[in-house]
């Protein structure tokens, strides 16, 4: 079989021309179109990814802001609760202080009233007791109360120990003062004066005075030293009993 090389050459040329034409007018535009489409798709994907990243960042920002707002809200609520608790405690303490102040005021008023009652009762009791004692001594002994007081005080002076007598005499400076609630008669004064001079110094000057605040009895004063005999102890016991009754009332 004989090959027609001219025909082969012509067909080869035709094939090459066809390939070039296909490449030039078909494959090239299709390839470029596909490349352009891929580029557009890639751009769109990149833009979508950028938008998604921006959306994610915006969402994260929103979440952070929401968390910050929630934390701020919790802080404000906590501060409000603490302020309310502090204010409640302050009001409760103020109320307790007011109640305590009223209580102390009432107790002071009660103590003042009780002291007034006791003072009046003490004064009236002293007067009544003195009158009763005077009457009883007059009825039973036929002697006045002042004479009995003078005798009792004279006996106390006679029984005074030497050390106490020396201290009183040292402070007397040759002069003593005798105080009594009621004025003593001449006989009672004479008895007390004799007892003083016998126990201390025969030259001792004796001065007599009355004191309405003094309970029934006699008090000897020598400068800052005192010696007394009175019914004060009985009145103190009576007052303690009255105070106990008032406290239990």
Protein backbone atom coordinates (compact mmCIF):
# COMPACT_ATOMS: atom_id res chain seq x y z
CA UNK A 1 0.00 0.00 0.00
CA UNK A 2 1.38 3.31 -1.04
CA UNK A 3 1.07 6.29 1.41
CA UNK A 4 0.10 9.64 0.00
CA UNK A 5 2.33 11.88 2.05
CA UNK A 6 0.77 14.98 0.57
CA UNK A 7 -2.60 13.96 1.90
CA UNK A 8 -1.11 13.09 5.28
CA UNK A 9 0.60 16.44 5.42
CA UNK A 10 -2.58 18.23 4.45
CA UNK A 11 -4.61 16.37 7.09
CA UNK A 12 -1.95 17.08 9.70
CA UNK A 13 -2.09 20.75 8.86
CA UNK A 14 -5.85 20.67 8.96
CA UNK A 15 -5.72 18.95 12.40
CA UNK A 16 -3.28 21.50 13.72
CA UNK A 17 -5.40 24.35 12.38
CA UNK A 18 -8.45 22.77 13.98
CA UNK A 19 -6.66 22.40 17.31
CA UNK A 20 -5.52 26.03 17.12
CA UNK A 21 -9.00 27.19 16.22
CA UNK A 22 -10.48 25.18 19.07
CA UNK A 23 -7.90 26.54 21.44
CA UNK A 24 -8.35 30.06 20.18
CA UNK A 25 -12.09 30.23 19.96
CA UNK A 26 -13.38 27.42 22.21
CA UNK A 27 -11.04 26.10 24.89
CA UNK A 28 -9.43 29.48 25.62
CA UNK A 29 -12.67 31.38 26.25
CA UNK A 30 -14.08 28.46 28.18
CA UNK A 31 -10.91 28.22 30.28
CA UNK A 32 -10.87 31.96 30.87
CA UNK A 33 -14.59 31.92 31.66
CA UNK A 34 -14.04 29.10 34.12
CA UNK A 35 -11.05 30.90 35.64
CA UNK A 36 -13.04 34.10 35.92
CA UNK A 37 -15.95 32.21 37.45
CA UNK A 38 -13.62 30.49 39.86
CA UNK A 39 -12.11 33.88 40.73
CA UNK A 40 -15.54 35.36 41.30
CA UNK A 41 -16.54 32.35 43.38
CA UNK A 42 -13.32 32.62 45.36
CA UNK A 43 -13.90 36.35 45.82
CA UNK A 44 -17.44 35.68 46.93
CA UNK A 45 -16.24 32.95 49.27
CA UNK A 46 -13.56 35.27 50.64
CA UNK A 47 -16.09 38.05 51.06
CA UNK A 48 -18.47 35.60 52.73
CA UNK A 49 -15.70 34.44 55.02
CA UNK A 50 -14.81 38.05 55.80
CA UNK A 51 -18.45 38.81 56.46
CA UNK A 52 -18.72 35.68 58.63
CA UNK A 53 -15.59 36.69 60.55
CA UNK A 54 -16.98 40.21 60.98
CA UNK A 55 -20.28 38.74 62.10
CA UNK A 56 -18.45 36.45 64.52
CA UNK A 57 -16.47 39.40 65.87
CA UNK A 58 -19.65 41.46 66.18
CA UNK A 59 -21.35 38.56 67.95
CA UNK A 60 -18.37 38.20 70.29
CA UNK A 61 -18.45 41.92 70.93
CA UNK A 62 -22.17 41.69 71.65
CA UNK A 63 -21.62 38.76 73.98
CA UNK A 64 -18.83 40.63 75.76
CA UNK A 65 -21.02 43.73 76.08
CA UNK A 66 -23.91 41.59 77.31
CA UNK A 67 -21.62 39.92 79.85
CA UNK A 68 -20.34 43.33 80.95
CA UNK A 69 -23.90 44.62 81.27
CA UNK A 70 -24.87 41.53 83.24
CA UNK A 71 -21.86 41.98 85.52
CA UNK A 72 -22.69 45.67 85.96
CA UNK A 73 -26.31 44.77 86.72
CA UNK A 74 -25.21 42.19 89.29
CA UNK A 75 -22.81 44.72 90.81
CA UNK A 76 -25.54 47.35 91.01
CA UNK A 77 -27.95 44.86 92.54
CA UNK A 78 -25.32 43.73 95.04
CA UNK A 79 -24.49 47.33 95.97
CA UNK A 80 -28.20 48.12 96.25
CA UNK A 81 -28.76 45.11 98.51
CA UNK A 82 -25.73 46.03 100.63
CA UNK A 83 -26.90 49.66 100.86
CA UNK A 84 -30.41 48.51 101.81
CA UNK A 85 -29.00 46.13 104.44
CA UNK A 86 -26.75 48.86 105.81
CA UNK A 87 -29.63 51.32 105.91
CA UNK A 88 -31.83 48.71 107.61
CA UNK A 89 -29.15 48.05 110.21
CA UNK A 90 -28.70 51.79 110.75
CA UNK A 91 -32.45 52.26 111.17
CA UNK A 92 -32.68 49.27 113.50
CA UNK A 93 -29.74 50.58 115.57
CA UNK A 94 -31.31 54.04 115.63
CA UNK A 95 -34.58 52.51 116.80
CA UNK A 96 -32.77 50.47 119.47
CA UNK A 97 -30.86 53.57 120.61
CA UNK A 98 -34.10 55.54 120.78
CA UNK A 99 -35.77 52.78 122.79
CA UNK A 100 -32.73 52.51 125.08
CA UNK A 101 -32.67 56.29 125.54
CA UNK A 102 -36.37 56.30 126.42
CA UNK A 103 -35.77 53.37 128.76
CA UNK A 104 -32.88 55.13 130.50
CA UNK A 105 -34.92 58.32 130.71
CA UNK A 106 -37.81 56.39 132.22
CA UNK A 107 -35.46 54.61 134.67
CA UNK A 108 -33.90 57.92 135.69
CA UNK A 109 -37.34 59.42 136.17
CA UNK A 110 -38.39 56.39 138.17
CA UNK A 111 -35.22 56.59 140.28
CA UNK A 112 -35.83 60.31 140.85
CA UNK A 113 -39.42 59.67 141.83
CA UNK A 114 -38.37 56.86 144.14
CA UNK A 115 -35.68 59.04 145.69
CA UNK A 116 -38.25 61.77 146.26
CA UNK A 117 -40.68 59.31 147.84
CA UNK A 118 -37.96 57.85 150.03
CA UNK A 119 -36.73 61.26 151.07
CA UNK A 120 -40.23 62.39 152.01
CA UNK A 121 -40.92 59.10 153.71
CA UNK A 122 -37.62 59.30 155.54
CA UNK A 123 -38.35 62.79 156.77
CA UNK A 124 -41.86 61.89 157.88
CA UNK A 125 -40.60 58.68 159.48
CA UNK A 126 -37.96 60.63 161.37
CA UNK A 127 -40.54 63.05 162.70
CA UNK A 128 -42.98 60.29 163.58
CA UNK A 129 -40.30 58.14 165.16
CA UNK A 130 -38.98 61.03 167.21
CA UNK A 131 -42.45 61.88 168.48
CA UNK A 132 -43.16 58.22 169.23
CA UNK A 133 -39.82 57.79 171.00
CA UNK A 134 -40.33 60.96 173.04
CA UNK A 135 -43.81 59.84 174.04
CA UNK A 136 -42.66 56.32 174.86
CA UNK A 137 -39.76 57.55 176.97
CA UNK A 138 -41.97 60.06 178.71
CA UNK A 139 -44.55 57.36 179.47
CA UNK A 140 -42.13 54.61 180.42
CA UNK A 141 -39.20 56.42 181.99
CA UNK A 142 -40.69 59.70 182.98
CA UNK A 143 -37.81 61.51 181.26
CA UNK A 144 -37.58 63.56 178.10
CA UNK A 145 -35.90 62.24 174.94
CA UNK A 146 -33.15 64.84 175.04
CA UNK A 147 -32.04 63.63 178.46
CA UNK A 148 -31.88 60.04 177.19
CA UNK A 149 -29.86 61.16 174.17
CA UNK A 150 -27.45 63.06 176.39
CA UNK A 151 -27.04 60.07 178.72
CA UNK A 152 -26.48 57.69 175.78
CA UNK A 153 -23.95 60.01 174.18
CA UNK A 154 -22.18 60.51 177.53
CA UNK A 155 -21.93 56.73 177.93
CA UNK A 156 -20.46 56.44 174.42
CA UNK A 157 -17.85 59.06 175.27
CA UNK A 158 -16.97 57.21 178.48
CA UNK A 159 -16.50 53.98 176.55
CA UNK A 160 -14.41 55.54 173.79
CA UNK A 161 -10.96 53.92 173.41
CA UNK A 162 -7.88 56.01 174.24
CA UNK A 163 -6.53 56.07 170.66
CA UNK A 164 -9.80 57.45 169.25
CA UNK A 165 -10.09 59.92 172.13
CA UNK A 166 -6.53 61.10 171.49
CA UNK A 167 -7.21 61.64 167.77
CA UNK A 168 -10.37 63.60 168.48
CA UNK A 169 -8.65 65.68 171.15
CA UNK A 170 -5.74 66.40 168.78
CA UNK A 171 -8.12 67.66 166.12
CA UNK A 172 -10.35 69.55 168.52
CA UNK A 173 -7.83 72.23 169.40
CA UNK A 174 -9.62 72.83 172.71
CA UNK A 175 -13.01 73.31 171.04
CA UNK A 176 -15.75 70.88 169.90
CA UNK A 177 -19.16 71.35 168.36
CA UNK A 178 -22.24 69.32 169.32
CA UNK A 179 -25.00 69.11 166.69
CA UNK A 180 -28.49 67.70 167.25
CA UNK A 181 -31.73 67.73 165.30
CA UNK A 182 -33.61 69.48 168.07
CA UNK A 183 -32.36 71.96 170.62
CA UNK A 184 -31.19 70.27 173.81
CA UNK A 185 -32.27 71.60 177.19
CA UNK A 186 -29.84 72.94 179.77
CA UNK A 187 -29.60 69.66 181.68
CA UNK A 188 -28.79 67.65 178.54
CA UNK A 189 -26.17 70.20 177.55
CA UNK A 190 -24.62 70.05 180.99
CA UNK A 191 -24.40 66.25 180.87
CA UNK A 192 -22.74 66.29 177.43
CA UNK A 193 -20.36 69.10 178.37
CA UNK A 194 -19.28 67.22 181.49
CA UNK A 195 -18.74 64.01 179.52
CA UNK A 196 -16.65 65.84 176.90
CA UNK A 197 -14.43 67.54 179.43
CA UNK A 198 -13.97 64.37 181.44
CA UNK A 199 -12.91 62.35 178.38
CA UNK A 200 -10.77 64.95 176.56
CA UNK A 201 -9.70 68.09 178.39
CA UNK A 202 -11.37 69.91 181.32
CA UNK A 203 -10.75 73.20 179.47
CA UNK A 204 -12.47 72.06 176.27
CA UNK A 205 -14.97 74.62 174.96
CA UNK A 206 -18.27 73.01 173.88
CA UNK A 207 -20.53 74.67 171.31
CA UNK A 208 -24.10 73.46 170.64
CA UNK A 209 -26.02 73.79 167.35
CA UNK A 210 -29.16 72.35 165.76
CA UNK A 211 -29.29 70.69 162.32
CA UNK A 212 -32.70 69.96 160.77
CA UNK A 213 -31.14 67.46 158.32
CA UNK A 214 -29.67 65.37 161.14
CA UNK A 215 -31.49 62.23 162.19
CA UNK A 216 -32.47 61.81 165.81
CA UNK A 217 -29.18 61.77 167.72
CA UNK A 218 -26.09 63.75 168.73
CA UNK A 219 -22.93 64.41 166.67
CA UNK A 220 -19.62 65.66 168.06
CA UNK A 221 -17.37 67.48 165.56
CA UNK A 222 -13.72 68.30 166.19
CA UNK A 223 -12.28 69.82 163.06
CA UNK A 224 -12.55 67.00 160.46
CA UNK A 225 -13.23 64.24 163.03
CA UNK A 226 -16.71 63.20 164.06
CA UNK A 227 -18.29 61.07 166.77
CA UNK A 228 -22.00 60.39 166.71
CA UNK A 229 -24.83 58.46 168.30
CA UNK A 230 -28.14 58.51 166.47
CA UNK A 231 -31.01 56.47 165.20
CA UNK A 232 -29.57 56.68 161.68
CA UNK A 233 -28.91 52.95 161.50
CA UNK A 234 -32.54 52.19 162.25
CA UNK A 235 -33.67 54.64 159.60
CA UNK A 236 -31.21 53.17 157.11
CA UNK A 237 -32.65 49.73 157.70
CA UNK A 238 -36.15 51.08 157.35
CA UNK A 239 -35.17 52.84 154.12
CA UNK A 240 -33.59 49.65 152.74
CA UNK A 241 -36.80 47.77 153.46
CA UNK A 242 -38.85 50.43 151.72
CA UNK A 243 -36.51 50.39 148.73
CA UNK A 244 -36.85 46.61 148.52
CA UNK A 245 -40.61 46.88 148.59
CA UNK A 246 -40.56 49.56 145.91
CA UNK A 247 -38.20 47.51 143.74
CA UNK A 248 -40.51 44.50 143.98
CA UNK A 249 -43.62 46.54 143.26
